[in-house]
Protein backbone atom coordinates (compact mmCIF):
# COMPACT_ATOMS: atom_id res chain seq x y z
CA UNK A 1 -1.17 -9.53 18.16
CA UNK A 2 -4.04 -10.11 15.75
CA UNK A 3 -4.60 -8.98 12.18
CA UNK A 4 -7.32 -6.61 13.42
CA UNK A 5 -4.67 -4.73 15.42
CA UNK A 6 -2.87 -3.62 12.25
CA UNK A 7 -5.71 -3.48 9.71
CA UNK A 8 -6.71 -0.28 7.97
CA UNK A 9 -10.08 0.54 6.46
CA UNK A 10 -10.46 -0.70 2.89
CA UNK A 11 -11.63 1.47 0.03
CA UNK A 12 -14.19 -0.45 -2.00
CA UNK A 13 -15.46 0.20 -5.54
CA UNK A 14 -17.74 -1.46 -8.09
CA UNK A 15 -16.14 -3.30 -10.99
CA UNK A 16 -17.68 -1.06 -13.66
CA UNK A 17 -15.65 2.08 -12.89
CA UNK A 18 -13.17 3.35 -15.45
CA UNK A 19 -9.42 3.36 -14.89
CA UNK A 20 -9.51 7.15 -14.49
CA UNK A 21 -12.29 6.94 -11.91
CA UNK A 22 -10.34 4.31 -9.95
CA UNK A 23 -7.16 6.41 -10.08
CA UNK A 24 -9.08 9.51 -8.94
CA UNK A 25 -10.62 7.63 -5.98
CA UNK A 26 -7.23 6.25 -4.96
CA UNK A 27 -5.71 9.74 -5.09
CA UNK A 28 -8.61 11.31 -3.19
CA UNK A 29 -8.48 8.66 -0.45
CA UNK A 30 -4.69 8.55 -0.30
CA UNK A 31 -4.49 4.78 -0.81
CA UNK A 32 -2.37 2.58 -3.07
CA UNK A 33 -4.75 -0.38 -3.05
CA UNK A 34 -8.48 -0.63 -3.69
CA UNK A 35 -10.89 -3.57 -3.35
CA UNK A 36 -13.25 -4.32 -6.25
CA UNK A 37 -16.66 -5.84 -5.58
CA UNK A 38 -19.18 -7.44 -7.89
CA UNK A 39 -22.59 -8.60 -6.71
CA UNK A 40 -21.62 -7.82 -3.09
CA UNK A 41 -18.59 -10.15 -3.17
CA UNK A 42 -14.89 -9.38 -3.41
CA UNK A 43 -14.00 -9.78 -7.07
CA UNK A 44 -10.48 -8.42 -7.10
CA UNK A 45 -7.91 -5.88 -6.01
CA UNK A 46 -6.26 -3.00 -7.86
CA UNK A 47 -2.93 -1.50 -6.85
CA UNK A 48 -1.23 1.69 -7.93
CA UNK A 49 1.07 -0.55 -9.99
CA UNK A 50 -1.95 -1.83 -11.94
CA UNK A 51 -2.95 1.77 -12.67
CA UNK A 52 0.55 2.61 -13.92
CA UNK A 53 0.76 -0.52 -16.11
CA UNK A 54 -2.57 0.27 -17.78
CA UNK A 55 -2.48 4.07 -17.90
CA UNK A 56 -2.33 4.15 -21.71
CA UNK A 57 -5.61 2.20 -22.00
CA UNK A 58 -8.21 4.95 -22.00
CA UNK A 59 -11.41 2.89 -21.98
CA UNK A 60 -10.37 0.08 -19.63
CA UNK A 61 -12.53 -0.67 -16.60
CA UNK A 62 -11.65 -1.90 -13.13
CA UNK A 63 -12.78 -5.43 -13.98
CA UNK A 64 -10.22 -5.67 -16.78
CA UNK A 65 -7.17 -4.68 -14.73
CA UNK A 66 -7.90 -6.08 -11.27
CA UNK A 67 -6.06 -9.05 -9.82
CA UNK A 68 -8.63 -11.76 -9.21
CA UNK A 69 -6.33 -13.94 -7.09
CA UNK A 70 -7.61 -12.84 -3.70
CA UNK A 71 -6.47 -14.48 -0.48
CA UNK A 72 -8.22 -13.39 2.69
CA UNK A 73 -7.71 -13.99 6.39
CA UNK A 74 -9.97 -13.59 9.39
CA UNK A 75 -9.26 -10.47 11.41
CA UNK A 76 -8.90 -12.58 14.57
CA UNK A 77 -5.96 -14.56 13.16
CA UNK A 78 -2.50 -13.80 14.50
CA UNK A 79 -0.15 -11.65 12.47
CA UNK A 80 2.25 -14.61 12.52
CA UNK A 81 -0.34 -16.68 10.62
CA UNK A 82 -0.90 -13.78 8.24
CA UNK A 83 2.85 -13.53 7.58
CA UNK A 84 3.01 -17.27 6.96
CA UNK A 85 0.12 -17.06 4.45
CA UNK A 86 1.82 -14.18 2.68
CA UNK A 87 5.12 -16.04 2.43
CA UNK A 88 3.39 -19.10 0.97
CA UNK A 89 1.60 -17.07 -1.69
């Protein structure tokens, strides 16, 4: 089984959105993770946990709360390789 067999569509936003805008998009799309792009490249990822941790910061933007440690894998890789990568990181 390959990664593509279990992948879901990603929700992607620009890095200049506010925390409230990000939270609203996540709620509207029913997702707990959102990918942040800057200049057409993946810049980071925001989870619902990041939203909760930063909820008191009214003027914060996606760029300021996203995790920039992004590890990717090709969709044709096996899920065993994906699991190994996840366990190592």
